[in-house]
Amino acid sequence: MALTERQKRHLRGLGHGLKPVVIIGGAGLTEAVLRELALSLDHHELLKVRVNAGDRADRERMIGELCTHTGAELVQRVGHVALIFKRNRERPRVSLDG
């Protein structure tokens, strides 16, 4: 599901006040982190994730991997924090109408 720019702008507004729910540390993307991320996405749909990687390339790679593994879409990335979205098909919680 590709988000339009209008939808991304709306989601950025909703995500502005959120705190990071999942923090990826020095161990990187472990199975436990991916499992917790999938559960959190299923429940919340819109999440902030903090990636504590050393350089920009590592952060980009990790964010790309977590989006690929979970099926989430990257809404925004600022520094170490990424805002991601994945629609819960059975029980949608976040409106995409901005």
PDB file of N, CA and C in Angstrom:
ATOM      1  N   MET A   1       0.841  -1.165   0.000  1.00  0.00           N
ATOM      2  CA  MET A   1       0.000   0.000   0.000  1.00  0.00           C
ATOM      3  C   MET A   1       0.895   1.240   0.000  1.00  0.00           C
ATOM      4  N   ALA A   2       0.905   1.952  -1.070  1.00  0.00           N
ATOM      5  CA  ALA A   2       1.710   3.165  -1.175  1.00  0.00           C
ATOM      6  C   ALA A   2       0.907   4.350  -0.646  1.00  0.00           C
ATOM      7  N   LEU A   3       1.518   5.097   0.226  1.00  0.00           N
ATOM      8  CA  LEU A   3       0.864   6.275   0.793  1.00  0.00           C
ATOM      9  C   LEU A   3       1.071   7.479  -0.115  1.00  0.00           C
ATOM     10  N   THR A   4       0.051   8.297  -0.229  1.00  0.00           N
ATOM     11  CA  THR A   4       0.175   9.532  -0.991  1.00  0.00           C
ATOM     12  C   THR A   4       0.879  10.574  -0.125  1.00  0.00           C
ATOM     13  N   GLU A   5       1.333  11.646  -0.737  1.00  0.00           N
ATOM     14  CA  GLU A   5       1.983  12.716   0.028  1.00  0.00           C
ATOM     15  C   GLU A   5       1.021  13.340   1.036  1.00  0.00           C
ATOM     16  N   ARG A   6      -0.236  13.460   0.663  1.00  0.00           N
ATOM     17  CA  ARG A   6      -1.240  14.007   1.583  1.00  0.00           C
ATOM     18  C   ARG A   6      -1.403  13.109   2.806  1.00  0.00           C
ATOM     19  N   GLN A   7      -1.439  11.786   2.585  1.00  0.00           N
ATOM     20  CA  GLN A   7      -1.560  10.846   3.689  1.00  0.00           C
ATOM     21  C   GLN A   7      -0.317  10.889   4.577  1.00  0.00           C
ATOM     22  N   LYS A   8       0.855  10.975   3.958  1.00  0.00           N
ATOM     23  CA  LYS A   8       2.091  11.062   4.740  1.00  0.00           C
ATOM     24  C   LYS A   8       2.110  12.330   5.589  1.00  0.00           C
ATOM     25  N   ARG A   9       1.668  13.431   5.033  1.00  0.00           N
ATOM     26  CA  ARG A   9       1.627  14.688   5.772  1.00  0.00           C
ATOM     27  C   ARG A   9       0.686  14.556   6.983  1.00  0.00           C
ATOM     28  N   HIS A  10      -0.465  13.922   6.755  1.00  0.00           N
ATOM     29  CA  HIS A  10      -1.427  13.692   7.844  1.00  0.00           C
ATOM     30  C   HIS A  10      -0.805  12.795   8.928  1.00  0.00           C
ATOM     31  N   LEU A  11      -0.140  11.715   8.517  1.00  0.00           N
ATOM     32  CA  LEU A  11       0.479  10.798   9.474  1.00  0.00           C
ATOM     33  C   LEU A  11       1.619  11.467  10.234  1.00  0.00           C
ATOM     34  N   ARG A  12       2.387  12.326   9.573  1.00  0.00           N
ATOM     35  CA  ARG A  12       3.448  13.062  10.267  1.00  0.00           C
ATOM     36  C   ARG A  12       2.854  13.943  11.361  1.00  0.00           C
ATOM     37  N   GLY A  13       1.714  14.558  11.082  1.00  0.00           N
ATOM     38  CA  GLY A  13       1.040  15.366  12.093  1.00  0.00           C
ATOM     39  C   GLY A  13       0.589  14.531  13.278  1.00  0.00           C
ATOM     40  N   LEU A  14       0.042  13.350  12.996  1.00  0.00           N
ATOM     41  CA  LEU A  14      -0.401  12.456  14.073  1.00  0.00           C
ATOM     42  C   LEU A  14       0.785  11.924  14.874  1.00  0.00           C
ATOM     43  N   GLY A  15       1.900  11.688  14.199  1.00  0.00           N
ATOM     44  CA  GLY A  15       3.060  11.092  14.848  1.00  0.00           C
ATOM     45  C   GLY A  15       3.935  12.081  15.585  1.00  0.00           C
ATOM     46  N   HIS A  16       3.684  13.361  15.403  1.00  0.00           N
ATOM     47  CA  HIS A  16       4.547  14.379  16.002  1.00  0.00           C
ATOM     48  C   HIS A  16       4.691  14.222  17.512  1.00  0.00           C
ATOM     49  N   GLY A  17       3.637  13.956  18.213  1.00  0.00           N
ATOM     50  CA  GLY A  17       3.679  13.851  19.665  1.00  0.00           C
ATOM     51  C   GLY A  17       4.011  12.473  20.202  1.00  0.00           C
ATOM     52  N   LEU A  18       4.199  11.505  19.323  1.00  0.00           N
ATOM     53  CA  LEU A  18       4.488  10.140  19.779  1.00  0.00           C
ATOM     54  C   LEU A  18       5.912  10.012  20.293  1.00  0.00           C
ATOM     55  N   LYS A  19       6.103   9.124  21.232  1.00  0.00           N
ATOM     56  CA  LYS A  19       7.427   8.755  21.721  1.00  0.00           C
ATOM     57  C   LYS A  19       7.820   7.439  21.042  1.00  0.00           C
ATOM     58  N   PRO A  20       9.124   7.198  20.839  1.00  0.00           N
ATOM     59  CA  PRO A  20       9.536   5.927  20.250  1.00  0.00           C
ATOM     60  C   PRO A  20       9.077   4.742  21.087  1.00  0.00           C
ATOM     61  N   VAL A  21       8.417   3.789  20.437  1.00  0.00           N
ATOM     62  CA  VAL A  21       7.899   2.602  21.120  1.00  0.00           C
ATOM     63  C   VAL A  21       8.950   1.501  21.120  1.00  0.00           C
ATOM     64  N   VAL A  22       9.693   1.379  20.031  1.00  0.00           N
ATOM     65  CA  VAL A  22      10.722   0.358  19.896  1.00  0.00           C
ATOM     66  C   VAL A  22      12.052   1.069  19.705  1.00  0.00           C
ATOM     67  N   ILE A  23      13.059   0.629  20.454  1.00  0.00           N
ATOM     68  CA  ILE A  23      14.397   1.194  20.330  1.00  0.00           C
ATOM     69  C   ILE A  23      15.334   0.069  19.911  1.00  0.00           C
ATOM     70  N   ILE A  24      15.991   0.260  18.776  1.00  0.00           N
ATOM     71  CA  ILE A  24      16.919  -0.737  18.248  1.00  0.00           C
ATOM     72  C   ILE A  24      18.315  -0.336  18.704  1.00  0.00           C
ATOM     73  N   GLY A  25      18.925  -1.187  19.505  1.00  0.00           N
ATOM     74  CA  GLY A  25      20.217  -0.870  20.095  1.00  0.00           C
ATOM     75  C   GLY A  25      21.380  -1.472  19.341  1.00  0.00           C
ATOM     76  N   GLY A  26      22.446  -1.714  20.060  1.00  0.00           N
ATOM     77  CA  GLY A  26      23.688  -2.203  19.478  1.00  0.00           C
ATOM     78  C   GLY A  26      23.590  -3.586  18.868  1.00  0.00           C
ATOM     79  N   ALA A  27      22.656  -4.397  19.335  1.00  0.00           N
ATOM     80  CA  ALA A  27      22.513  -5.755  18.797  1.00  0.00           C
ATOM     81  C   ALA A  27      21.849  -5.754  17.421  1.00  0.00           C
ATOM     82  N   GLY A  28      21.286  -4.623  17.018  1.00  0.00           N
ATOM     83  CA  GLY A  28      20.667  -4.520  15.696  1.00  0.00           C
ATOM     84  C   GLY A  28      19.280  -5.140  15.649  1.00  0.00           C
ATOM     85  N   LEU A  29      18.913  -5.587  14.455  1.00  0.00           N
ATOM     86  CA  LEU A  29      17.579  -6.157  14.231  1.00  0.00           C
ATOM     87  C   LEU A  29      17.585  -7.645  14.540  1.00  0.00           C
ATOM     88  N   THR A  30      17.265  -7.983  15.768  1.00  0.00           N
ATOM     89  CA  THR A  30      17.173  -9.384  16.156  1.00  0.00           C
ATOM     90  C   THR A  30      15.754  -9.876  15.886  1.00  0.00           C
ATOM     91  N   GLU A  31      15.566 -11.168  15.972  1.00  0.00           N
ATOM     92  CA  GLU A  31      14.230 -11.743  15.782  1.00  0.00           C
ATOM     93  C   GLU A  31      13.264 -11.218  16.841  1.00  0.00           C
ATOM     94  N   ALA A  32      13.760 -11.054  18.066  1.00  0.00           N
ATOM     95  CA  ALA A  32      12.896 -10.552  19.143  1.00  0.00           C
ATOM     96  C   ALA A  32      12.440  -9.124  18.854  1.00  0.00           C
ATOM     97  N   VAL A  33      13.342  -8.290  18.343  1.00  0.00           N
ATOM     98  CA  VAL A  33      12.986  -6.906  18.018  1.00  0.00           C
ATOM     99  C   VAL A  33      11.959  -6.883  16.891  1.00  0.00           C
ATOM    100  N   LEU A  34      12.177  -7.688  15.858  1.00  0.00           N
ATOM    101  CA  LEU A  34      11.235  -7.732  14.732  1.00  0.00           C
ATOM    102  C   LEU A  34       9.865  -8.239  15.174  1.00  0.00           C
ATOM    103  N   ARG A  35       9.839  -9.219  16.072  1.00  0.00           N
ATOM    104  CA  ARG A  35       8.580  -9.760  16.579  1.00  0.00           C
ATOM    105  C   ARG A  35       7.837  -8.691  17.388  1.00  0.00           C
ATOM    106  N   GLU A  36       8.553  -7.986  18.266  1.00  0.00           N
ATOM    107  CA  GLU A  36       7.939  -6.928  19.071  1.00  0.00           C
ATOM    108  C   GLU A  36       7.443  -5.788  18.183  1.00  0.00           C
ATOM    109  N   LEU A  37       8.218  -5.462  17.168  1.00  0.00           N
ATOM    110  CA  LEU A  37       7.825  -4.412  16.236  1.00  0.00           C
ATOM    111  C   LEU A  37       6.556  -4.797  15.480  1.00  0.00           C
ATOM    112  N   ALA A  38       6.472  -6.038  15.039  1.00  0.00           N
ATOM    113  CA  ALA A  38       5.278  -6.503  14.320  1.00  0.00           C
ATOM    114  C   ALA A  38       4.046  -6.446  15.226  1.00  0.00           C
ATOM    115  N   LEU A  39       4.192  -6.854  16.482  1.00  0.00           N
ATOM    116  CA  LEU A  39       3.066  -6.797  17.422  1.00  0.00           C
ATOM    117  C   LEU A  39       2.636  -5.354  17.689  1.00  0.00           C
ATOM    118  N   SER A  40       3.603  -4.474  17.874  1.00  0.00           N
ATOM    119  CA  SER A  40       3.288  -3.062  18.131  1.00  0.00           C
ATOM    120  C   SER A  40       2.620  -2.418  16.928  1.00  0.00           C
ATOM    121  N   LEU A  41       3.098  -2.723  15.723  1.00  0.00           N
ATOM    122  CA  LEU A  41       2.482  -2.189  14.510  1.00  0.00           C
ATOM    123  C   LEU A  41       1.057  -2.683  14.358  1.00  0.00           C
ATOM    124  N   ASP A  42       0.839  -3.945  14.675  1.00  0.00           N
ATOM    125  CA  ASP A  42      -0.504  -4.511  14.567  1.00  0.00           C
ATOM    126  C   ASP A  42      -1.462  -3.803  15.516  1.00  0.00           C
ATOM    127  N   HIS A  43      -0.967  -3.425  16.675  1.00  0.00           N
ATOM    128  CA  HIS A  43      -1.824  -2.779  17.668  1.00  0.00           C
ATOM    129  C   HIS A  43      -1.989  -1.280  17.424  1.00  0.00           C
ATOM    130  N   HIS A  44      -0.909  -0.583  17.090  1.00  0.00           N
ATOM    131  CA  HIS A  44      -0.944   0.878  16.989  1.00  0.00           C
ATOM    132  C   HIS A  44      -1.039   1.424  15.566  1.00  0.00           C
ATOM    133  N   GLU A  45      -0.515   0.706  14.593  1.00  0.00           N
ATOM    134  CA  GLU A  45      -0.441   1.093  13.173  1.00  0.00           C
ATOM    135  C   GLU A  45       0.612   2.168  12.900  1.00  0.00           C
ATOM    136  N   LEU A  46       0.718   3.173  13.714  1.00  0.00           N
ATOM    137  CA  LEU A  46       1.662   4.270  13.497  1.00  0.00           C
ATOM    138  C   LEU A  46       2.645   4.288  14.668  1.00  0.00           C
ATOM    139  N   LEU A  47       3.943   4.118  14.366  1.00  0.00           N
ATOM    140  CA  LEU A  47       4.950   4.002  15.419  1.00  0.00           C
ATOM    141  C   LEU A  47       6.168   4.850  15.117  1.00  0.00           C
ATOM    142  N   LYS A  48       6.793   5.305  16.180  1.00  0.00           N
ATOM    143  CA  LYS A  48       8.128   5.876  16.079  1.00  0.00           C
ATOM    144  C   LYS A  48       9.102   4.819  16.557  1.00  0.00           C
ATOM    145  N   VAL A  49      10.180   4.661  15.805  1.00  0.00           N
ATOM    146  CA  VAL A  49      11.225   3.693  16.133  1.00  0.00           C
ATOM    147  C   VAL A  49      12.538   4.445  16.218  1.00  0.00           C
ATOM    148  N   ARG A  50      13.285   4.223  17.279  1.00  0.00           N
ATOM    149  CA  ARG A  50      14.594   4.850  17.431  1.00  0.00           C
ATOM    150  C   ARG A  50      15.665   3.828  17.065  1.00  0.00           C
ATOM    151  N   VAL A  51      16.550   4.213  16.150  1.00  0.00           N
ATOM    152  CA  VAL A  51      17.620   3.334  15.693  1.00  0.00           C
ATOM    153  C   VAL A  51      18.943   3.916  16.183  1.00  0.00           C
ATOM    154  N   ASN A  52      19.562   3.251  17.154  1.00  0.00           N
ATOM    155  CA  ASN A  52      20.830   3.717  17.717  1.00  0.00           C
ATOM    156  C   ASN A  52      21.997   3.069  16.981  1.00  0.00           C
ATOM    157  N   ALA A  53      22.150   3.398  15.714  1.00  0.00           N
ATOM    158  CA  ALA A  53      23.262   2.897  14.917  1.00  0.00           C
ATOM    159  C   ALA A  53      24.290   4.013  14.755  1.00  0.00           C
ATOM    160  N   GLY A  54      25.526   3.629  14.536  1.00  0.00           N
ATOM    161  CA  GLY A  54      26.613   4.587  14.488  1.00  0.00           C
ATOM    162  C   GLY A  54      26.541   5.603  13.366  1.00  0.00           C
ATOM    163  N   ASP A  55      26.348   5.157  12.151  1.00  0.00           N
ATOM    164  CA  ASP A  55      26.371   6.120  11.045  1.00  0.00           C
ATOM    165  C   ASP A  55      25.086   6.068  10.238  1.00  0.00           C
ATOM    166  N   ARG A  56      24.950   7.037   9.361  1.00  0.00           N
ATOM    167  CA  ARG A  56      23.728   7.205   8.579  1.00  0.00           C
ATOM    168  C   ARG A  56      23.426   5.988   7.696  1.00  0.00           C
ATOM    169  N   ALA A  57      24.447   5.425   7.089  1.00  0.00           N
ATOM    170  CA  ALA A  57      24.244   4.270   6.205  1.00  0.00           C
ATOM    171  C   ALA A  57      23.674   3.081   6.975  1.00  0.00           C
ATOM    172  N   ASP A  58      24.189   2.835   8.184  1.00  0.00           N
ATOM    173  CA  ASP A  58      23.668   1.733   9.004  1.00  0.00           C
ATOM    174  C   ASP A  58      22.219   1.987   9.401  1.00  0.00           C
ATOM    175  N   ARG A  59      21.892   3.232   9.769  1.00  0.00           N
ATOM    176  CA  ARG A  59      20.506   3.565  10.128  1.00  0.00           C
ATOM    177  C   ARG A  59      19.583   3.353   8.938  1.00  0.00           C
ATOM    178  N   GLU A  60      19.990   3.832   7.768  1.00  0.00           N
ATOM    179  CA  GLU A  60      19.172   3.655   6.551  1.00  0.00           C
ATOM    180  C   GLU A  60      18.933   2.180   6.266  1.00  0.00           C
ATOM    181  N   ARG A  61      19.994   1.386   6.389  1.00  0.00           N
ATOM    182  CA  ARG A  61      19.883  -0.051   6.119  1.00  0.00           C
ATOM    183  C   ARG A  61      18.932  -0.716   7.106  1.00  0.00           C
ATOM    184  N   MET A  62      19.077  -0.398   8.397  1.00  0.00           N
ATOM    185  CA  MET A  62      18.212  -1.011   9.423  1.00  0.00           C
ATOM    186  C   MET A  62      16.754  -0.609   9.232  1.00  0.00           C
ATOM    187  N   ILE A  63      16.511   0.647   8.933  1.00  0.00           N
ATOM    188  CA  ILE A  63      15.134   1.104   8.718  1.00  0.00           C
ATOM    189  C   ILE A  63      14.540   0.413   7.496  1.00  0.00           C
ATOM    190  N   GLY A  64      15.327   0.276   6.442  1.00  0.00           N
ATOM    191  CA  GLY A  64      14.869  -0.437   5.254  1.00  0.00           C
ATOM    192  C   GLY A  64      14.542  -1.887   5.554  1.00  0.00           C
ATOM    193  N   GLU A  65      15.402  -2.535   6.336  1.00  0.00           N
ATOM    194  CA  GLU A  65      15.176  -3.939   6.704  1.00  0.00           C
ATOM    195  C   GLU A  65      13.925  -4.097   7.562  1.00  0.00           C
ATOM    196  N   LEU A  66      13.744  -3.211   8.538  1.00  0.00           N
ATOM    197  CA  LEU A  66      12.558  -3.373   9.395  1.00  0.00           C
ATOM    198  C   LEU A  66      11.283  -3.110   8.617  1.00  0.00           C
ATOM    199  N   CYS A  67      11.300  -2.189   7.661  1.00  0.00           N
ATOM    200  CA  CYS A  67      10.120  -1.962   6.821  1.00  0.00           C
ATOM    201  C   CYS A  67       9.854  -3.170   5.930  1.00  0.00           C
ATOM    202  N   THR A  68      10.911  -3.760   5.387  1.00  0.00           N
ATOM    203  CA  THR A  68      10.766  -4.940   4.537  1.00  0.00           C
ATOM    204  C   THR A  68      10.223  -6.123   5.324  1.00  0.00           C
ATOM    205  N   HIS A  69      10.789  -6.376   6.505  1.00  0.00           N
ATOM    206  CA  HIS A  69      10.374  -7.531   7.318  1.00  0.00           C
ATOM    207  C   HIS A  69       8.954  -7.399   7.849  1.00  0.00           C
ATOM    208  N   THR A  70       8.524  -6.190   8.165  1.00  0.00           N
ATOM    209  CA  THR A  70       7.195  -6.013   8.757  1.00  0.00           C
ATOM    210  C   THR A  70       6.128  -5.639   7.744  1.00  0.00           C
ATOM    211  N   GLY A  71       6.537  -5.207   6.550  1.00  0.00           N
ATOM    212  CA  GLY A  71       5.579  -4.747   5.550  1.00  0.00           C
ATOM    213  C   GLY A  71       5.100  -3.330   5.816  1.00  0.00           C
ATOM    214  N   ALA A  72       5.802  -2.614   6.687  1.00  0.00           N
ATOM    215  CA  ALA A  72       5.430  -1.234   7.028  1.00  0.00           C
ATOM    216  C   ALA A  72       5.986  -0.270   5.983  1.00  0.00           C
ATOM    217  N   GLU A  73       5.433   0.916   5.973  1.00  0.00           N
ATOM    218  CA  GLU A  73       5.901   1.960   5.073  1.00  0.00           C
ATOM    219  C   GLU A  73       6.534   3.080   5.877  1.00  0.00           C
ATOM    220  N   LEU A  74       7.670   3.549   5.402  1.00  0.00           N
ATOM    221  CA  LEU A  74       8.355   4.657   6.056  1.00  0.00           C
ATOM    222  C   LEU A  74       7.613   5.944   5.731  1.00  0.00           C
ATOM    223  N   VAL A  75       7.197   6.651   6.771  1.00  0.00           N
ATOM    224  CA  VAL A  75       6.503   7.923   6.607  1.00  0.00           C
ATOM    225  C   VAL A  75       7.523   9.061   6.647  1.00  0.00           C
ATOM    226  N   GLN A  76       8.444   8.973   7.611  1.00  0.00           N
ATOM    227  CA  GLN A  76       9.429  10.029   7.795  1.00  0.00           C
ATOM    228  C   GLN A  76      10.611   9.498   8.587  1.00  0.00           C
ATOM    229  N   ARG A  77      11.795  10.054   8.298  1.00  0.00           N
ATOM    230  CA  ARG A  77      12.972   9.740   9.089  1.00  0.00           C
ATOM    231  C   ARG A  77      13.679  11.043   9.410  1.00  0.00           C
ATOM    232  N   VAL A  78      13.909  11.268  10.696  1.00  0.00           N
ATOM    233  CA  VAL A  78      14.647  12.444  11.139  1.00  0.00           C
ATOM    234  C   VAL A  78      15.712  11.964  12.108  1.00  0.00           C
ATOM    235  N   GLY A  79      16.962  12.057  11.707  1.00  0.00           N
ATOM    236  CA  GLY A  79      18.063  11.613  12.563  1.00  0.00           C
ATOM    237  C   GLY A  79      17.959  10.138  12.873  1.00  0.00           C
ATOM    238  N   HIS A  80      17.881   9.825  14.154  1.00  0.00           N
ATOM    239  CA  HIS A  80      17.832   8.428  14.606  1.00  0.00           C
ATOM    240  C   HIS A  80      16.408   7.894  14.712  1.00  0.00           C
ATOM    241  N   VAL A  81      15.401   8.699  14.423  1.00  0.00           N
ATOM    242  CA  VAL A  81      14.005   8.305  14.639  1.00  0.00           C
ATOM    243  C   VAL A  81      13.268   8.165  13.310  1.00  0.00           C
ATOM    244  N   ALA A  82      12.575   7.041  13.156  1.00  0.00           N
ATOM    245  CA  ALA A  82      11.768   6.788  11.959  1.00  0.00           C
ATOM    246  C   ALA A  82      10.312   6.662  12.379  1.00  0.00           C
ATOM    247  N   LEU A  83       9.434   7.228  11.571  1.00  0.00           N
ATOM    248  CA  LEU A  83       7.988   7.093  11.757  1.00  0.00           C
ATOM    249  C   LEU A  83       7.509   6.125  10.689  1.00  0.00           C
ATOM    250  N   ILE A  84       6.907   5.012  11.130  1.00  0.00           N
ATOM    251  CA  ILE A  84       6.460   3.985  10.181  1.00  0.00           C
ATOM    252  C   ILE A  84       4.972   3.716  10.380  1.00  0.00           C
ATOM    253  N   PHE A  85       4.351   3.205   9.313  1.00  0.00           N
ATOM    254  CA  PHE A  85       2.917   2.943   9.320  1.00  0.00           C
ATOM    255  C   PHE A  85       2.635   1.620   8.637  1.00  0.00           C
ATOM    256  N   LYS A  86       1.740   0.862   9.238  1.00  0.00           N
ATOM    257  CA  LYS A  86       1.223  -0.355   8.607  1.00  0.00           C
ATOM    258  C   LYS A  86      -0.237  -0.501   9.002  1.00  0.00           C
ATOM    259  N   ARG A  87      -1.112  -0.554   8.018  1.00  0.00           N
ATOM    260  CA  ARG A  87      -2.554  -0.665   8.240  1.00  0.00           C
ATOM    261  C   ARG A  87      -2.898  -2.031   8.811  1.00  0.00           C
ATOM    262  N   ASN A  88      -3.712  -2.044   9.877  1.00  0.00           N
ATOM    263  CA  ASN A  88      -4.273  -3.265  10.426  1.00  0.00           C
ATOM    264  C   ASN A  88      -5.577  -3.511   9.670  1.00  0.00           C
ATOM    265  N   ARG A  89      -5.609  -4.524   8.848  1.00  0.00           N
ATOM    266  CA  ARG A  89      -6.762  -4.759   7.958  1.00  0.00           C
ATOM    267  C   ARG A  89      -8.032  -5.133   8.720  1.00  0.00           C
ATOM    268  N   GLU A  90      -7.897  -5.875   9.831  1.00  0.00           N
ATOM    269  CA  GLU A  90      -9.087  -6.278  10.587  1.00  0.00           C
ATOM    270  C   GLU A  90      -9.648  -5.148  11.444  1.00  0.00           C
ATOM    271  N   ARG A  91      -8.770  -4.387  12.094  1.00  0.00           N
ATOM    272  CA  ARG A  91      -9.212  -3.324  12.993  1.00  0.00           C
ATOM    273  C   ARG A  91      -8.402  -2.049  12.762  1.00  0.00           C
ATOM    274  N   PRO A  92      -8.700  -1.315  11.700  1.00  0.00           N
ATOM    275  CA  PRO A  92      -7.956  -0.069  11.468  1.00  0.00           C
ATOM    276  C   PRO A  92      -8.205   0.944  12.581  1.00  0.00           C
ATOM    277  N   ARG A  93      -7.129   1.583  13.035  1.00  0.00           N
ATOM    278  CA  ARG A  93      -7.222   2.546  14.127  1.00  0.00           C
ATOM    279  C   ARG A  93      -6.934   3.971  13.672  1.00  0.00           C
ATOM    280  N   VAL A  94      -6.073   4.118  12.686  1.00  0.00           N
ATOM    281  CA  VAL A  94      -5.638   5.443  12.238  1.00  0.00           C
ATOM    282  C   VAL A  94      -6.352   5.797  10.945  1.00  0.00           C
ATOM    283  N   SER A  95      -6.971   6.955  10.928  1.00  0.00           N
ATOM    284  CA  SER A  95      -7.625   7.435   9.721  1.00  0.00           C
ATOM    285  C   SER A  95      -6.579   8.032   8.790  1.00  0.00           C
ATOM    286  N   LEU A  96      -6.674   7.704   7.522  1.00  0.00           N
ATOM    287  CA  LEU A  96      -5.752   8.270   6.525  1.00  0.00           C
ATOM    288  C   LEU A  96      -6.337   9.491   5.835  1.00  0.00           C
ATOM    289  N   ASP A  97      -7.507   9.910   6.256  1.00  0.00           N
ATOM    290  CA  ASP A  97      -8.141  11.099   5.685  1.00  0.00           C
ATOM    291  C   ASP A  97      -7.709  12.308   6.483  1.00  0.00           C
ATOM    292  N   GLY A  98      -6.880  13.130   5.852  1.00  0.00           N
ATOM    293  CA  GLY A  98      -6.348  14.287   6.572  1.00  0.00           C
ATOM    294  C   GLY A  98      -7.131  15.468   6.451  1.00  0.00           C
TER     295      GLY A  98
END
